[in-house]
Amino acid sequence: MSIKTRADITQTTKELLLEVLPGISSEELLPDRDILNLGLDSINAMNLVNKLQKTFAIELSADDLTFENFQNLNGLVNLS
């Protein structure tokens, strides 16, 4: 799978996030929407980290795992 543009990264990240938050619809997951209030907790956040690392072939450090980076879709996209 070749992910090249920011739009591709955003869409793929959104799909991964929807996998770990199954009760959330795509329409609810706006780029600036607080995903912590949508139900992202520490367990599904770690599942998401694993999915992001595998999908984008990246290594996230402890410094990357901040509230700001995991607050919304935009923050997650910036990690990827």
N, C-alpha and C. Protein backbone atom coordinates (compact mmCIF):
# COMPACT_ATOMS: atom_id res chain seq x y z
N MET A 1 0.85 -1.18 0.00
CA MET A 1 0.00 0.00 0.00
C MET A 1 0.89 1.23 0.00
N SER A 2 0.65 2.12 -0.92
CA SER A 2 1.46 3.33 -1.03
C SER A 2 0.65 4.53 -0.56
N ILE A 3 1.11 5.15 0.50
CA ILE A 3 0.42 6.31 1.07
C ILE A 3 1.33 7.50 0.85
N LYS A 4 0.88 8.46 0.03
CA LYS A 4 1.78 9.53 -0.37
C LYS A 4 1.35 10.92 0.04
N THR A 5 0.10 11.24 -0.11
CA THR A 5 -0.33 12.61 0.15
C THR A 5 -0.87 12.76 1.56
N ARG A 6 -0.95 14.00 2.02
CA ARG A 6 -1.54 14.26 3.34
C ARG A 6 -2.99 13.77 3.38
N ALA A 7 -3.70 13.90 2.27
CA ALA A 7 -5.09 13.41 2.21
C ALA A 7 -5.12 11.90 2.40
N ASP A 8 -4.17 11.19 1.78
CA ASP A 8 -4.09 9.73 1.95
C ASP A 8 -3.78 9.38 3.40
N ILE A 9 -2.84 10.09 3.99
CA ILE A 9 -2.46 9.84 5.38
C ILE A 9 -3.65 10.12 6.30
N THR A 10 -4.35 11.21 6.04
CA THR A 10 -5.52 11.56 6.85
C THR A 10 -6.59 10.48 6.75
N GLN A 11 -6.89 10.03 5.54
CA GLN A 11 -7.92 9.02 5.35
C GLN A 11 -7.54 7.70 6.01
N THR A 12 -6.31 7.29 5.84
CA THR A 12 -5.85 6.04 6.44
C THR A 12 -5.85 6.13 7.96
N THR A 13 -5.40 7.25 8.50
CA THR A 13 -5.40 7.45 9.95
C THR A 13 -6.82 7.44 10.49
N LYS A 14 -7.72 8.06 9.77
CA LYS A 14 -9.14 8.07 10.17
C LYS A 14 -9.69 6.65 10.20
N GLU A 15 -9.37 5.85 9.19
CA GLU A 15 -9.83 4.47 9.15
C GLU A 15 -9.28 3.66 10.32
N LEU A 16 -8.02 3.87 10.65
CA LEU A 16 -7.42 3.18 11.79
C LEU A 16 -8.08 3.60 13.10
N LEU A 17 -8.36 4.87 13.22
CA LEU A 17 -9.01 5.38 14.42
C LEU A 17 -10.42 4.81 14.55
N LEU A 18 -11.12 4.70 13.45
CA LEU A 18 -12.47 4.12 13.48
C LEU A 18 -12.43 2.64 13.86
N GLU A 19 -11.33 1.95 13.56
CA GLU A 19 -11.18 0.55 13.96
C GLU A 19 -11.07 0.42 15.48
N VAL A 20 -10.40 1.35 16.13
CA VAL A 20 -10.23 1.26 17.59
C VAL A 20 -11.38 1.94 18.34
N LEU A 21 -12.19 2.72 17.64
CA LEU A 21 -13.38 3.34 18.22
C LEU A 21 -14.60 2.91 17.41
N PRO A 22 -15.00 1.65 17.51
CA PRO A 22 -16.05 1.12 16.63
C PRO A 22 -17.41 1.77 16.78
N GLY A 23 -17.69 2.43 17.88
CA GLY A 23 -18.99 3.05 18.07
C GLY A 23 -19.10 4.44 17.45
N ILE A 24 -18.06 4.89 16.79
CA ILE A 24 -18.01 6.24 16.22
C ILE A 24 -18.19 6.17 14.71
N SER A 25 -18.97 7.07 14.16
CA SER A 25 -19.15 7.11 12.71
C SER A 25 -18.09 8.01 12.07
N SER A 26 -17.87 7.80 10.82
CA SER A 26 -16.92 8.61 10.06
C SER A 26 -17.31 10.08 10.09
N GLU A 27 -18.60 10.36 10.07
CA GLU A 27 -19.08 11.74 10.08
C GLU A 27 -18.78 12.44 11.40
N GLU A 28 -18.73 11.68 12.49
CA GLU A 28 -18.43 12.26 13.81
C GLU A 28 -16.96 12.60 13.97
N LEU A 29 -16.12 11.95 13.17
CA LEU A 29 -14.68 12.07 13.34
C LEU A 29 -14.12 13.20 12.47
N LEU A 30 -14.40 14.42 12.90
CA LEU A 30 -13.90 15.60 12.20
C LEU A 30 -12.44 15.83 12.58
N PRO A 31 -11.66 16.49 11.72
CA PRO A 31 -10.22 16.66 11.96
C PRO A 31 -9.86 17.28 13.31
N ASP A 32 -10.68 18.21 13.80
CA ASP A 32 -10.39 18.89 15.07
C ASP A 32 -11.23 18.39 16.23
N ARG A 33 -12.03 17.37 16.03
CA ARG A 33 -12.90 16.83 17.08
C ARG A 33 -12.08 16.13 18.15
N ASP A 34 -12.35 16.39 19.39
CA ASP A 34 -11.63 15.80 20.52
C ASP A 34 -11.95 14.31 20.59
N ILE A 35 -10.99 13.49 20.20
CA ILE A 35 -11.23 12.05 20.16
C ILE A 35 -11.19 11.42 21.56
N LEU A 36 -10.63 12.12 22.51
CA LEU A 36 -10.67 11.62 23.88
C LEU A 36 -12.11 11.63 24.39
N ASN A 37 -12.87 12.64 24.00
CA ASN A 37 -14.29 12.71 24.37
C ASN A 37 -15.14 11.72 23.58
N LEU A 38 -14.59 11.20 22.48
CA LEU A 38 -15.30 10.19 21.69
C LEU A 38 -15.04 8.78 22.22
N GLY A 39 -14.16 8.66 23.21
CA GLY A 39 -13.93 7.36 23.83
C GLY A 39 -12.54 6.80 23.71
N LEU A 40 -11.59 7.55 23.17
CA LEU A 40 -10.22 7.05 23.10
C LEU A 40 -9.65 7.00 24.52
N ASP A 41 -9.30 5.80 24.96
CA ASP A 41 -8.68 5.65 26.27
C ASP A 41 -7.29 5.07 26.09
N SER A 42 -6.62 4.79 27.19
CA SER A 42 -5.22 4.37 27.10
C SER A 42 -5.06 3.03 26.38
N ILE A 43 -6.00 2.13 26.56
CA ILE A 43 -5.89 0.82 25.91
C ILE A 43 -6.06 0.94 24.40
N ASN A 44 -7.13 1.63 23.96
CA ASN A 44 -7.28 1.73 22.50
C ASN A 44 -6.30 2.71 21.90
N ALA A 45 -5.73 3.61 22.69
CA ALA A 45 -4.66 4.48 22.20
C ALA A 45 -3.42 3.66 21.88
N MET A 46 -3.10 2.69 22.73
CA MET A 46 -1.94 1.84 22.46
C MET A 46 -2.19 0.94 21.26
N ASN A 47 -3.41 0.46 21.10
CA ASN A 47 -3.76 -0.30 19.89
C ASN A 47 -3.58 0.58 18.66
N LEU A 48 -3.98 1.83 18.77
CA LEU A 48 -3.84 2.77 17.66
C LEU A 48 -2.37 3.03 17.36
N VAL A 49 -1.54 3.19 18.38
CA VAL A 49 -0.11 3.38 18.18
C VAL A 49 0.47 2.22 17.38
N ASN A 50 0.12 1.00 17.76
CA ASN A 50 0.61 -0.17 17.04
C ASN A 50 0.16 -0.16 15.58
N LYS A 51 -1.09 0.19 15.34
CA LYS A 51 -1.61 0.24 13.98
C LYS A 51 -0.91 1.34 13.15
N LEU A 52 -0.70 2.50 13.76
CA LEU A 52 -0.02 3.59 13.06
C LEU A 52 1.40 3.19 12.69
N GLN A 53 2.11 2.59 13.64
CA GLN A 53 3.49 2.20 13.38
C GLN A 53 3.57 1.16 12.26
N LYS A 54 2.69 0.20 12.30
CA LYS A 54 2.70 -0.86 11.28
C LYS A 54 2.29 -0.32 9.92
N THR A 55 1.22 0.46 9.87
CA THR A 55 0.69 0.95 8.61
C THR A 55 1.64 1.92 7.92
N PHE A 56 2.22 2.83 8.69
CA PHE A 56 3.07 3.87 8.10
C PHE A 56 4.56 3.56 8.20
N ALA A 57 4.89 2.38 8.74
CA ALA A 57 6.29 1.98 8.90
C ALA A 57 7.09 3.07 9.63
N ILE A 58 6.54 3.49 10.77
CA ILE A 58 7.18 4.51 11.59
C ILE A 58 7.42 3.94 12.99
N GLU A 59 8.29 4.58 13.73
CA GLU A 59 8.55 4.23 15.12
C GLU A 59 8.21 5.45 15.97
N LEU A 60 7.20 5.32 16.79
CA LEU A 60 6.81 6.42 17.67
C LEU A 60 7.54 6.28 18.99
N SER A 61 8.12 7.37 19.45
CA SER A 61 8.85 7.37 20.73
C SER A 61 7.91 7.80 21.85
N ALA A 62 8.38 7.66 23.06
CA ALA A 62 7.59 8.10 24.22
C ALA A 62 7.29 9.59 24.12
N ASP A 63 8.19 10.35 23.54
CA ASP A 63 7.97 11.79 23.37
C ASP A 63 6.82 12.10 22.42
N ASP A 64 6.51 11.17 21.52
CA ASP A 64 5.40 11.36 20.58
C ASP A 64 4.05 11.11 21.22
N LEU A 65 4.02 10.40 22.32
CA LEU A 65 2.77 9.98 22.94
C LEU A 65 2.27 11.04 23.91
N THR A 66 1.90 12.18 23.36
CA THR A 66 1.43 13.31 24.17
C THR A 66 -0.06 13.53 24.00
N PHE A 67 -0.62 14.23 24.95
CA PHE A 67 -2.04 14.59 24.88
C PHE A 67 -2.34 15.34 23.58
N GLU A 68 -1.48 16.28 23.22
CA GLU A 68 -1.71 17.09 22.02
C GLU A 68 -1.74 16.23 20.76
N ASN A 69 -0.86 15.25 20.66
CA ASN A 69 -0.82 14.40 19.48
C ASN A 69 -2.01 13.47 19.38
N PHE A 70 -2.61 13.14 20.51
CA PHE A 70 -3.72 12.19 20.52
C PHE A 70 -5.06 12.86 20.80
N GLN A 71 -5.10 14.18 20.75
CA GLN A 71 -6.34 14.88 21.05
C GLN A 71 -7.32 14.84 19.90
N ASN A 72 -6.80 14.85 18.66
CA ASN A 72 -7.70 14.86 17.51
C ASN A 72 -7.01 14.22 16.29
N LEU A 73 -7.77 14.08 15.23
CA LEU A 73 -7.27 13.45 14.01
C LEU A 73 -6.07 14.21 13.45
N ASN A 74 -6.12 15.53 13.48
CA ASN A 74 -5.00 16.34 12.96
C ASN A 74 -3.70 16.02 13.69
N GLY A 75 -3.76 15.89 15.00
CA GLY A 75 -2.57 15.55 15.76
C GLY A 75 -2.00 14.20 15.38
N LEU A 76 -2.88 13.24 15.16
CA LEU A 76 -2.43 11.91 14.74
C LEU A 76 -1.81 11.94 13.35
N VAL A 77 -2.39 12.70 12.46
CA VAL A 77 -1.86 12.80 11.10
C VAL A 77 -0.45 13.40 11.13
N ASN A 78 -0.23 14.36 11.99
CA ASN A 78 1.08 14.98 12.10
C ASN A 78 2.14 13.99 12.57
N LEU A 79 1.75 12.97 13.32
CA LEU A 79 2.67 11.93 13.73
C LEU A 79 3.10 11.04 12.57
N SER A 80 2.20 10.86 11.65
CA SER A 80 2.44 9.93 10.54
C SER A 80 3.23 10.57 9.46
